[in-house]
Amino acid sequence: MEVSVLKQQSPAGHCRDLREWLDRVRAIGELEEVNGADWNLEIGIISELNAKRTNSKAFLFDEIKGYPKGFRVVAGALLNAPRLAIAFGLDPGLDNNGLVRALRGQPRLWEAESVQYPPVEVSNKAAPIMQNVRDGANANVLDFPAPLWHPKDGGRYLGTGCCVITRDPDTGQVNLGAYRVMIHDEKTLGLMISPGKQGSIHLQKYHAKGQPCPVAVVFGEDPLLMMAAGLEVPMGISEYNYTGAIKRSALRVTPSPLKNLPLPADGEIAVEGVVPPDEVREEGPFGEWTGYYASGERPQPVIRVQAVYHRNEPIILGSPPNRPPNDYSYWRAVVRSALLHDAVERAGVPDVRGVWTHEAGGARMFNVISITQRFAGHARMAGFVACQIREGAYAGRYVVVVDDDIDPSNTNDVIWALATRTNPAEDIDFIRRAWSTALDPMVRPGSEAMVNSRAVIDACRPYEWRHEFPAVAESSPELQAQVLQKWGRLFR
């Protein structure tokens, strides 16, 4: 991996690390500090209830039962527009659609400019994450208050909002992936990576040579880096470079002492070790982003932990999924909506007016595309493209195409269009054997075929007689504005 020798500072709009993000969220009244919760289910259930309320907060848990003061857990970080905007260095006053508009076109720019922002390497002495080093017999992952997030989980999960760091043995390319990490014992972690992910490919390459795969995992990092690790950043681009392009400032990294993997210098907690070939242990079940204990309990690779590093008073960044809305469904909906909108346009679909990847589908399984119809077949084109391009192919289920008078993020509007502008026998098409995942609750446990089908629903007015379609029983925006100018006090 190319590492820059330049020293660059983060611009004022972006947060340097998780702690600065917490400070900014606290300053606008979006952080609540909770003392005395139990790692055994209490933190998880509080987080679940928080995700379901409209006025959610980011929670910072401290004085966790059985752990010293200062060993903390964050949950609910990116559940709403203001907190997500702060992570992106944007105006916290933006709403959902404002965030999507602000992010439109940016991912492609970040990809193009990522080469300009290789991470800056600093020494271990200059890296806060190396303030405490515990290796050999002293390495113990149970030193940290990893929650038991859900009642039926197979164990405590230290990694829900983490970054798993691996390096391609052939190209040297570094990848950061947001994969789940379960504690087996004080020196062993379970690692679950879906097939086809870059981290899984790196493991396969090492194991094909009969070698253990070097790995590091960071459990408390800038939320922006966590998001990059959870997105489909193109092959050949490191998430460090990608995040640097978002910030327009290179990230600081420090080499891990044992495997020379780049750790975020301003991170909170990291472990370093290896994933041996031909060694698996039962991992899971775990309540996942689909809202189910999908994939069950099954053999998965293990990380043999050789060293643990952490800042003073370390913070775990938790992002526990469960039945949507959940701890990370909102940010994924916003970011993936912008990604999918850009991708559909790049693929040649004209006049796309809006995209929303709905939280209820984990920002993957229920996607809505709004278009201004220009020709017969336009709606089908949009739907089929959206469900099979890279940004929409993995674990999809439904794509609904609507007219431009429908707000794709307004569930009531979308259902209205489905109910009144479709003839089910004519307007639903299917694709079979599409790319899915073991986390898909409709993939039978133990199946080797991680595939599903897709429904593309044309919920637009029929193009051929769109001008004859019944008029909508609704006053015009202009008339509404006139009445509101006179009677606005009634709606305050």
Protein backbone atom coordinates (compact mmCIF):
# COMPACT_ATOMS: atom_id res chain seq x y z
CA MET A 1 0.00 0.00 0.00
CA GLU A 2 1.28 3.43 -0.88
CA VAL A 3 1.63 5.59 2.22
CA SER A 4 2.00 9.36 2.00
CA VAL A 5 4.81 11.10 3.88
CA LEU A 6 2.93 14.40 3.87
CA LYS A 7 1.37 15.70 7.08
CA GLN A 8 -2.11 17.01 6.48
CA GLN A 9 -4.71 18.27 8.93
CA SER A 10 -8.43 17.52 8.74
CA PRO A 11 -10.42 20.53 7.54
CA ALA A 12 -12.75 22.15 10.05
CA GLY A 13 -15.82 20.50 8.50
CA HIS A 14 -14.73 16.93 9.23
CA CYS A 15 -14.06 15.06 12.44
CA ARG A 16 -10.58 13.73 13.11
CA ASP A 17 -11.80 10.67 15.01
CA LEU A 18 -14.66 9.15 16.99
CA ARG A 19 -14.00 11.42 19.96
CA GLU A 20 -14.29 14.63 17.96
CA TRP A 21 -17.50 13.32 16.40
CA LEU A 22 -18.88 12.66 19.90
CA ASP A 23 -17.95 16.18 20.98
CA ARG A 24 -19.78 17.72 18.03
CA VAL A 25 -22.84 15.53 18.53
CA ARG A 26 -22.88 16.44 22.23
CA ALA A 27 -22.70 20.14 21.33
CA ILE A 28 -26.01 19.99 19.40
CA GLY A 29 -27.80 17.96 22.08
CA GLU A 30 -27.72 14.67 20.19
CA LEU A 31 -25.65 12.64 22.71
CA GLU A 32 -26.91 11.04 25.90
CA GLU A 33 -24.46 9.55 28.41
CA VAL A 34 -25.67 6.44 30.23
CA ASN A 35 -23.95 5.08 33.34
CA GLY A 36 -24.35 1.68 34.93
CA ALA A 37 -25.91 -0.43 32.15
CA ASP A 38 -25.09 -4.14 31.97
CA TRP A 39 -23.22 -5.50 28.95
CA ASN A 40 -25.49 -8.56 29.25
CA LEU A 41 -28.51 -7.54 27.11
CA GLU A 42 -29.23 -4.16 28.76
CA ILE A 43 -27.03 -2.16 26.38
CA GLY A 44 -28.45 -4.08 23.42
CA ILE A 45 -32.09 -3.67 24.38
CA ILE A 46 -31.64 0.03 25.20
CA SER A 47 -30.06 0.44 21.76
CA GLU A 48 -32.93 -1.46 20.11
CA LEU A 49 -35.60 0.69 21.78
CA ASN A 50 -33.66 3.84 20.89
CA ALA A 51 -33.57 2.89 17.21
CA LYS A 52 -37.36 2.60 17.13
CA ARG A 53 -38.13 6.10 18.42
CA THR A 54 -38.32 9.19 16.23
CA ASN A 55 -36.23 11.35 18.57
CA SER A 56 -33.33 8.93 18.94
CA LYS A 57 -30.05 9.90 20.56
CA ALA A 58 -26.51 8.62 20.27
CA PHE A 59 -25.80 6.78 23.52
CA LEU A 60 -22.40 6.71 25.23
CA PHE A 61 -22.40 3.92 27.82
CA ASP A 62 -19.94 4.14 30.73
CA GLU A 63 -19.48 2.48 34.11
CA ILE A 64 -20.62 -0.74 32.48
CA LYS A 65 -21.28 -3.55 34.92
CA GLY A 66 -18.10 -5.49 35.64
CA TYR A 67 -15.79 -3.02 33.88
CA PRO A 68 -13.79 0.01 35.02
CA LYS A 69 -15.02 3.54 34.44
CA GLY A 70 -13.81 4.86 31.10
CA PHE A 71 -14.21 1.57 29.17
CA ARG A 72 -17.12 2.71 27.04
CA VAL A 73 -19.53 1.69 24.26
CA VAL A 74 -21.26 3.93 21.68
CA ALA A 75 -24.54 2.87 20.09
CA GLY A 76 -27.11 4.67 17.94
CA ALA A 77 -24.42 6.79 16.33
CA LEU A 78 -25.92 7.41 12.89
CA LEU A 79 -29.66 7.00 13.41
CA ASN A 80 -30.70 10.42 12.13
CA ALA A 81 -29.87 13.18 9.67
CA PRO A 82 -28.00 15.60 12.02
CA ARG A 83 -25.57 12.97 13.32
CA LEU A 84 -24.97 11.53 9.86
CA ALA A 85 -24.39 15.02 8.45
CA ILE A 86 -21.73 15.69 11.12
CA ALA A 87 -19.94 12.48 10.13
CA PHE A 88 -19.83 13.69 6.51
CA GLY A 89 -18.81 17.23 7.48
CA LEU A 90 -22.16 18.59 6.25
CA ASP A 91 -24.75 20.94 7.71
CA PRO A 92 -26.58 19.11 10.57
CA GLY A 93 -29.74 20.98 9.54
CA LEU A 94 -30.15 18.87 6.38
CA ASP A 95 -33.12 16.48 6.18
CA ASN A 96 -33.23 13.03 4.51
CA ASN A 97 -33.66 14.25 0.94
CA GLY A 98 -31.20 17.08 1.54
CA LEU A 99 -28.56 14.58 2.59
CA VAL A 100 -29.17 12.40 -0.45
CA ARG A 101 -28.90 15.47 -2.72
CA ALA A 102 -25.69 16.56 -0.98
CA LEU A 103 -24.16 13.11 -1.52
CA ARG A 104 -25.32 12.71 -5.13
CA GLY A 105 -22.39 12.54 -7.51
CA GLN A 106 -19.88 12.47 -4.69
CA PRO A 107 -19.05 8.73 -4.59
CA ARG A 108 -17.76 8.78 -8.15
CA LEU A 109 -15.69 11.86 -7.34
CA TRP A 110 -14.31 10.15 -4.22
CA GLU A 111 -13.36 7.13 -6.30
CA ALA A 112 -11.57 9.29 -8.87
CA GLU A 113 -9.76 11.40 -6.27
CA SER A 114 -8.89 8.60 -3.84
CA VAL A 115 -5.43 8.18 -5.37
CA GLN A 116 -4.61 11.70 -4.16
CA TYR A 117 -5.20 10.78 -0.51
CA PRO A 118 -3.02 7.83 0.51
CA PRO A 119 -2.87 7.56 4.30
CA VAL A 120 -0.12 9.31 6.23
CA GLU A 121 2.04 6.93 8.27
CA VAL A 122 2.98 7.99 11.80
CA SER A 123 5.07 6.15 14.35
CA ASN A 124 3.54 3.98 17.04
CA LYS A 125 4.67 6.57 19.60
CA ALA A 126 2.63 9.26 17.83
CA ALA A 127 -0.50 7.08 17.53
CA PRO A 128 -3.10 7.30 20.32
CA ILE A 129 -4.29 3.77 19.53
CA MET A 130 -0.90 2.48 20.75
CA GLN A 131 -1.10 4.10 24.20
CA ASN A 132 -1.62 0.64 25.69
CA VAL A 133 0.00 -2.47 24.22
CA ARG A 134 -0.83 -5.95 25.46
CA ASP A 135 0.71 -8.87 23.62
CA GLY A 136 1.42 -12.52 24.20
CA ALA A 137 -0.02 -13.78 27.47
CA ASN A 138 -1.36 -10.31 28.31
CA ALA A 139 -3.63 -10.08 25.23
CA ASN A 140 -7.24 -10.53 26.34
CA VAL A 141 -10.26 -9.36 24.35
CA LEU A 142 -12.49 -9.87 27.40
CA ASP A 143 -10.89 -6.76 28.89
CA PHE A 144 -13.44 -4.77 26.86
CA PRO A 145 -17.21 -4.56 27.58
CA ALA A 146 -18.41 -6.29 24.44
CA PRO A 147 -22.22 -6.49 24.69
CA LEU A 148 -24.48 -9.47 24.30
CA TRP A 149 -26.68 -7.47 21.93
CA HIS A 150 -29.68 -9.77 21.36
CA PRO A 151 -31.24 -12.50 23.56
CA LYS A 152 -30.59 -15.34 21.07
CA ASP A 153 -27.09 -14.34 19.98
CA GLY A 154 -24.53 -17.11 20.12
CA GLY A 155 -22.11 -14.96 22.07
CA ARG A 156 -20.83 -11.48 22.80
CA TYR A 157 -20.02 -9.44 19.70
CA LEU A 158 -17.08 -7.07 20.01
CA GLY A 159 -17.32 -6.27 16.31
CA THR A 160 -20.56 -4.75 14.99
CA GLY A 161 -19.29 -1.31 13.94
CA CYS A 162 -15.72 -2.48 13.35
CA CYS A 163 -13.21 -2.51 10.49
CA VAL A 164 -11.47 -5.79 9.60
CA ILE A 165 -8.12 -5.00 7.95
CA THR A 166 -6.50 -7.44 5.51
CA ARG A 167 -3.96 -7.21 2.68
CA ASP A 168 -4.10 -8.99 -0.67
CA PRO A 169 -1.02 -11.30 -0.75
CA ASP A 170 -0.65 -10.84 -4.51
CA THR A 171 -1.20 -7.12 -5.02
CA GLY A 172 -0.58 -5.66 -1.56
CA GLN A 173 -3.96 -3.90 -1.69
CA VAL A 174 -5.35 -3.14 1.78
CA ASN A 175 -9.05 -3.68 2.44
CA LEU A 176 -11.21 -2.58 5.37
CA GLY A 177 -14.44 -4.54 5.70
CA ALA A 178 -17.33 -4.16 8.14
CA TYR A 179 -17.71 -7.81 9.10
CA ARG A 180 -19.11 -9.18 12.34
CA VAL A 181 -16.71 -10.41 15.03
CA MET A 182 -17.78 -12.66 17.94
CA ILE A 183 -15.79 -13.47 21.06
CA HIS A 184 -15.03 -17.19 21.56
CA ASP A 185 -12.57 -16.74 24.40
CA GLU A 186 -9.92 -14.30 25.60
CA LYS A 187 -7.62 -14.94 22.61
CA THR A 188 -10.01 -16.22 19.93
CA LEU A 189 -12.54 -14.32 17.82
CA GLY A 190 -15.07 -15.64 15.32
CA LEU A 191 -15.10 -13.90 11.93
CA MET A 192 -18.12 -13.99 9.61
CA ILE A 193 -17.57 -12.68 6.06
CA SER A 194 -20.11 -13.25 3.28
CA PRO A 195 -18.76 -14.98 0.14
CA GLY A 196 -17.52 -12.61 -2.53
CA LYS A 197 -16.45 -9.85 -0.14
CA GLN A 198 -12.87 -8.62 -0.54
CA GLY A 199 -11.85 -9.77 2.93
CA SER A 200 -13.08 -13.27 2.12
CA ILE A 201 -11.06 -13.29 -1.12
CA HIS A 202 -7.92 -12.28 0.80
CA LEU A 203 -8.44 -15.15 3.26
CA GLN A 204 -8.93 -17.60 0.41
CA LYS A 205 -5.71 -16.50 -1.29
CA TYR A 206 -3.61 -17.00 1.85
CA HIS A 207 -5.27 -20.30 2.68
CA ALA A 208 -4.76 -21.60 -0.87
CA LYS A 209 -1.03 -21.18 -0.22
CA GLY A 210 -1.37 -23.03 3.08
CA GLN A 211 -0.62 -19.85 4.99
CA PRO A 212 -2.46 -18.06 7.83
CA CYS A 213 -3.96 -14.73 6.82
CA PRO A 214 -2.63 -11.74 8.80
CA VAL A 215 -5.49 -9.63 10.12
CA ALA A 216 -6.16 -6.63 12.34
CA VAL A 217 -9.55 -5.46 13.58
CA VAL A 218 -10.37 -1.97 14.83
CA PHE A 219 -13.32 -1.66 17.22
CA GLY A 220 -13.58 2.11 17.63
CA GLU A 221 -12.97 4.45 14.70
CA ASP A 222 -14.21 7.58 12.95
CA PRO A 223 -17.82 6.74 11.93
CA LEU A 224 -16.95 7.82 8.40
CA LEU A 225 -14.34 5.06 8.16
CA MET A 226 -16.88 2.54 9.45
CA MET A 227 -19.29 3.60 6.71
CA ALA A 228 -16.62 3.27 4.02
CA ALA A 229 -15.85 -0.25 5.29
CA GLY A 230 -19.55 -1.13 4.94
CA LEU A 231 -19.94 0.12 1.36
CA GLU A 232 -19.01 -1.48 -1.97
CA VAL A 233 -15.84 0.55 -2.51
CA PRO A 234 -14.50 -0.61 -5.91
CA MET A 235 -11.75 -3.22 -6.09
CA GLY A 236 -8.35 -1.57 -6.17
CA ILE A 237 -9.30 1.36 -3.91
CA SER A 238 -8.46 1.17 -0.22
CA GLU A 239 -11.10 2.42 2.18
CA TYR A 240 -8.37 4.60 3.72
CA ASN A 241 -7.92 6.44 0.43
CA TYR A 242 -11.67 6.60 -0.13
CA THR A 243 -12.30 8.13 3.29
CA GLY A 244 -9.40 10.52 2.74
CA ALA A 245 -11.07 11.67 -0.48
CA ILE A 246 -14.35 12.31 1.38
CA LYS A 247 -12.49 14.41 3.95
CA ARG A 248 -10.10 15.87 1.36
CA SER A 249 -7.41 15.10 3.89
CA ALA A 250 -5.26 12.00 4.31
CA LEU A 251 -5.99 9.70 7.25
CA ARG A 252 -3.26 8.95 9.79
CA VAL A 253 -2.24 5.31 10.08
CA THR A 254 0.36 3.48 12.13
CA PRO A 255 1.91 0.08 11.30
CA SER A 256 0.78 -2.81 13.46
CA PRO A 257 3.87 -4.14 15.27
CA LEU A 258 3.46 -7.81 14.31
CA LYS A 259 2.02 -7.91 10.78
CA ASN A 260 2.69 -4.37 9.52
CA LEU A 261 -0.97 -3.76 8.75
CA PRO A 262 -2.03 -0.09 8.75
CA LEU A 263 -4.12 0.75 11.82
CA PRO A 264 -6.03 4.04 12.10
CA ALA A 265 -3.68 6.00 14.35
CA ASP A 266 -6.56 7.82 16.02
CA GLY A 267 -8.65 4.70 16.56
CA GLU A 268 -9.72 3.39 19.93
CA ILE A 269 -9.10 -0.38 20.11
CA ALA A 270 -7.40 -2.86 17.79
CA VAL A 271 -6.47 -6.52 17.84
CA GLU A 272 -3.84 -8.16 15.68
CA GLY A 273 -3.43 -11.80 14.80
CA VAL A 274 -3.93 -14.42 12.13
CA VAL A 275 -6.74 -16.43 10.55
CA PRO A 276 -5.32 -19.97 10.25
CA PRO A 277 -6.24 -22.19 7.30
CA ASP A 278 -8.54 -25.13 7.98
CA GLU A 279 -9.54 -23.92 11.44
CA VAL A 280 -13.18 -23.06 12.08
CA ARG A 281 -15.51 -22.85 15.05
CA GLU A 282 -19.26 -22.52 15.35
CA GLU A 283 -20.17 -18.83 15.05
CA GLY A 284 -23.56 -17.22 15.60
CA PRO A 285 -26.47 -17.03 15.50
CA PHE A 286 -26.65 -13.26 15.40
CA GLY A 287 -29.58 -10.87 14.91
CA GLU A 288 -28.73 -9.36 11.54
CA TRP A 289 -29.68 -6.37 9.35
CA THR A 290 -32.52 -8.29 7.70
CA GLY A 291 -34.25 -8.37 11.09
CA TYR A 292 -33.75 -12.11 11.57
CA TYR A 293 -31.28 -14.55 13.07
CA ALA A 294 -30.41 -15.44 9.50
CA SER A 295 -27.48 -17.78 8.65
CA GLY A 296 -27.90 -19.52 12.00
CA GLU A 297 -24.93 -21.11 13.71
CA ARG A 298 -22.32 -22.43 11.34
CA PRO A 299 -18.56 -23.04 11.12
CA GLN A 300 -16.66 -19.83 10.41
CA PRO A 301 -12.97 -18.83 10.41
CA VAL A 302 -11.34 -17.75 13.66
CA ILE A 303 -8.87 -15.01 14.49
CA ARG A 304 -6.06 -16.09 16.79
CA VAL A 305 -5.38 -12.88 18.69
CA GLN A 306 -1.69 -12.18 19.29
CA ALA A 307 -1.83 -8.57 20.52
CA VAL A 308 -4.31 -5.95 21.71
CA TYR A 309 -3.84 -2.17 21.46
CA HIS A 310 -6.01 0.61 22.83
CA ARG A 311 -6.25 4.25 23.81
CA ASN A 312 -6.66 5.35 27.38
CA GLU A 313 -10.36 5.12 28.30
CA PRO A 314 -11.20 3.23 25.08
CA ILE A 315 -14.52 3.34 23.25
CA ILE A 316 -16.16 0.50 21.32
CA LEU A 317 -18.16 1.76 18.33
CA GLY A 318 -21.23 -0.47 18.30
CA SER A 319 -23.63 -0.70 15.38
CA PRO A 320 -25.92 -3.61 16.27
CA PRO A 321 -28.47 -4.65 13.65
CA ASN A 322 -31.91 -6.04 14.44
CA ARG A 323 -35.44 -5.69 13.07
CA PRO A 324 -35.42 -2.39 11.11
CA PRO A 325 -35.13 0.41 11.83
CA ASN A 326 -31.91 -0.56 13.52
CA ASP A 327 -28.64 0.94 14.59
CA TYR A 328 -27.26 1.38 11.09
CA SER A 329 -30.23 1.12 8.75
CA TYR A 330 -30.64 4.90 8.46
CA TRP A 331 -27.13 5.80 7.32
CA ARG A 332 -27.13 2.91 4.88
CA ALA A 333 -30.46 4.08 3.44
CA VAL A 334 -29.15 7.60 2.83
CA VAL A 335 -25.73 6.65 1.48
CA ARG A 336 -26.91 3.73 -0.62
CA SER A 337 -29.71 5.87 -2.08
CA ALA A 338 -27.12 8.33 -3.38
CA LEU A 339 -24.88 5.49 -4.64
CA LEU A 340 -27.71 3.72 -6.43
CA HIS A 341 -29.04 6.96 -7.95
CA ASP A 342 -25.63 7.75 -9.42
CA ALA A 343 -25.10 4.19 -10.65
CA VAL A 344 -28.47 4.00 -12.42
CA GLU A 345 -27.75 7.27 -14.22
CA ARG A 346 -24.22 6.13 -15.17
CA ALA A 347 -25.74 3.00 -16.66
CA GLY A 348 -27.71 5.21 -19.05
CA VAL A 349 -31.15 5.48 -17.48
CA PRO A 350 -32.42 9.02 -18.23
CA ASP A 351 -34.44 11.39 -16.04
CA VAL A 352 -34.05 9.66 -12.69
CA ARG A 353 -35.66 12.03 -10.16
CA GLY A 354 -35.08 10.23 -6.90
CA VAL A 355 -33.98 6.98 -5.26
CA TRP A 356 -34.63 5.56 -1.83
CA THR A 357 -33.23 2.27 -0.51
CA HIS A 358 -35.73 1.65 2.26
CA GLU A 359 -34.66 1.00 5.85
CA ALA A 360 -37.24 -1.78 6.16
CA GLY A 361 -35.27 -3.75 3.58
CA GLY A 362 -31.93 -3.07 5.20
CA ALA A 363 -31.21 -0.50 2.45
CA ARG A 364 -30.87 -3.41 0.01
CA MET A 365 -34.09 -5.41 -0.32
CA PHE A 366 -36.69 -2.73 -1.15
CA ASN A 367 -35.51 0.01 -3.50
CA VAL A 368 -37.66 2.71 -5.09
CA ILE A 369 -36.73 4.64 -8.25
CA SER A 370 -38.63 7.77 -9.29
CA ILE A 371 -38.45 8.77 -12.97
CA THR A 372 -39.96 11.19 -15.47
CA GLN A 373 -41.17 8.79 -18.15
CA ARG A 374 -39.74 9.61 -21.59
CA PHE A 375 -40.55 6.51 -23.65
CA ALA A 376 -42.35 3.18 -23.51
CA GLY A 377 -40.19 0.72 -21.54
CA HIS A 378 -38.42 3.47 -19.59
CA ALA A 379 -39.75 2.20 -16.24
CA ARG A 380 -38.72 -1.41 -16.95
CA MET A 381 -35.28 -0.23 -18.01
CA ALA A 382 -34.82 1.62 -14.73
CA GLY A 383 -36.00 -1.33 -12.65
CA PHE A 384 -33.91 -4.01 -14.33
CA VAL A 385 -30.79 -1.87 -14.31
CA ALA A 386 -31.24 -0.96 -10.65
CA CYS A 387 -31.56 -4.55 -9.47
CA GLN A 388 -28.46 -5.91 -11.25
CA ILE A 389 -25.78 -3.21 -11.25
CA ARG A 390 -23.10 -3.55 -8.55
CA GLU A 391 -24.76 -1.09 -6.17
CA GLY A 392 -28.10 -2.93 -6.29
CA ALA A 393 -27.31 -6.56 -7.01
CA TYR A 394 -26.21 -7.93 -3.62
CA ALA A 395 -29.10 -9.31 -1.53
CA GLY A 396 -31.79 -7.36 -3.37
CA ARG A 397 -35.47 -8.33 -3.52
CA TYR A 398 -37.84 -5.64 -4.87
CA VAL A 399 -37.34 -2.63 -7.11
CA VAL A 400 -40.37 -0.37 -7.47
CA VAL A 401 -40.34 2.28 -10.22
CA VAL A 402 -42.67 5.25 -9.69
CA ASP A 403 -43.54 8.50 -11.44
CA ASP A 404 -41.90 11.79 -10.54
CA ASP A 405 -44.89 12.95 -8.47
CA ILE A 406 -44.06 10.23 -5.91
CA ASP A 407 -41.49 10.85 -3.18
CA PRO A 408 -39.54 7.55 -3.11
CA SER A 409 -38.70 8.02 0.59
CA ASN A 410 -42.40 8.44 1.53
CA THR A 411 -43.71 4.94 2.20
CA ASN A 412 -47.35 6.03 1.99
CA ASP A 413 -46.78 7.60 -1.44
CA VAL A 414 -45.04 4.46 -2.70
CA ILE A 415 -47.76 2.12 -1.45
CA TRP A 416 -50.38 4.41 -3.01
CA ALA A 417 -48.63 4.14 -6.36
CA LEU A 418 -48.39 0.36 -5.97
CA ALA A 419 -52.08 0.13 -5.10
CA THR A 420 -53.41 2.41 -7.85
CA ARG A 421 -50.95 2.35 -10.78
CA THR A 422 -50.18 -1.34 -11.17
CA ASN A 423 -51.90 -4.27 -12.77
CA PRO A 424 -50.08 -7.10 -10.97
CA ALA A 425 -50.43 -9.59 -13.82
CA GLU A 426 -48.83 -7.12 -16.25
CA ASP A 427 -46.52 -4.94 -14.17
CA ILE A 428 -44.37 -7.36 -12.15
CA ASP A 429 -41.36 -9.04 -13.78
CA PHE A 430 -38.90 -11.48 -12.21
CA ILE A 431 -35.22 -12.33 -12.30
CA ARG A 432 -34.16 -15.70 -10.91
CA ARG A 433 -30.92 -16.94 -9.32
CA ALA A 434 -29.62 -13.49 -8.43
CA TRP A 435 -26.75 -12.81 -5.98
CA SER A 436 -27.80 -13.14 -2.36
CA THR A 437 -26.24 -14.01 1.01
CA ALA A 438 -26.47 -16.46 3.89
CA LEU A 439 -28.01 -13.57 5.85
CA ASP A 440 -31.05 -13.65 3.55
CA PRO A 441 -33.83 -15.28 5.60
CA MET A 442 -35.22 -16.83 2.39
CA VAL A 443 -31.98 -18.72 1.73
CA ARG A 444 -32.41 -22.09 3.38
CA PRO A 445 -29.85 -22.70 6.16
CA GLY A 446 -26.97 -24.83 4.94
CA SER A 447 -27.65 -24.14 1.28
CA GLU A 448 -24.63 -23.83 -0.99
CA ALA A 449 -26.57 -21.65 -3.45
CA MET A 450 -26.69 -18.12 -2.05
CA VAL A 451 -29.23 -16.93 -4.63
CA ASN A 452 -32.72 -15.44 -4.67
CA SER A 453 -35.18 -13.92 -7.11
CA ARG A 454 -35.96 -10.28 -7.84
CA ALA A 455 -39.26 -8.56 -8.54
CA VAL A 456 -39.25 -5.44 -10.69
CA ILE A 457 -42.53 -3.58 -10.26
CA ASP A 458 -43.61 -0.89 -12.71
CA ALA A 459 -45.79 1.38 -10.54
CA CYS A 460 -45.85 4.21 -13.07
CA ARG A 461 -48.88 5.38 -15.03
CA PRO A 462 -49.06 3.26 -18.22
CA TYR A 463 -46.92 5.17 -20.70
CA GLU A 464 -49.21 4.64 -23.69
CA TRP A 465 -52.19 6.34 -22.03
CA ARG A 466 -50.53 8.33 -19.25
CA HIS A 467 -52.28 11.53 -20.36
CA GLU A 468 -55.68 9.84 -20.03
CA PHE A 469 -54.90 8.50 -16.56
CA PRO A 470 -57.23 9.92 -13.86
CA ALA A 471 -56.07 13.20 -12.36
CA VAL A 472 -54.78 13.19 -8.80
CA ALA A 473 -57.23 14.56 -6.23
CA GLU A 474 -54.82 17.05 -4.73
CA SER A 475 -54.37 20.82 -4.84
CA SER A 476 -51.35 22.20 -6.65
CA PRO A 477 -48.22 23.23 -4.73
CA GLU A 478 -48.89 26.83 -5.80
CA LEU A 479 -52.40 26.84 -4.28
CA GLN A 480 -51.14 25.17 -1.12
CA ALA A 481 -48.46 27.85 -0.78
CA GLN A 482 -51.05 30.62 -1.16
CA VAL A 483 -53.27 29.17 1.55
CA LEU A 484 -50.33 28.52 3.86
CA GLN A 485 -49.24 32.12 3.51
CA LYS A 486 -52.59 33.20 4.94
CA TRP A 487 -53.30 30.31 7.33
CA GLY A 488 -49.85 29.05 8.22
CA ARG A 489 -50.46 29.62 11.94
CA LEU A 490 -52.79 26.60 11.90
CA PHE A 491 -49.92 24.28 11.01
CA ARG A 492 -47.23 25.46 13.45
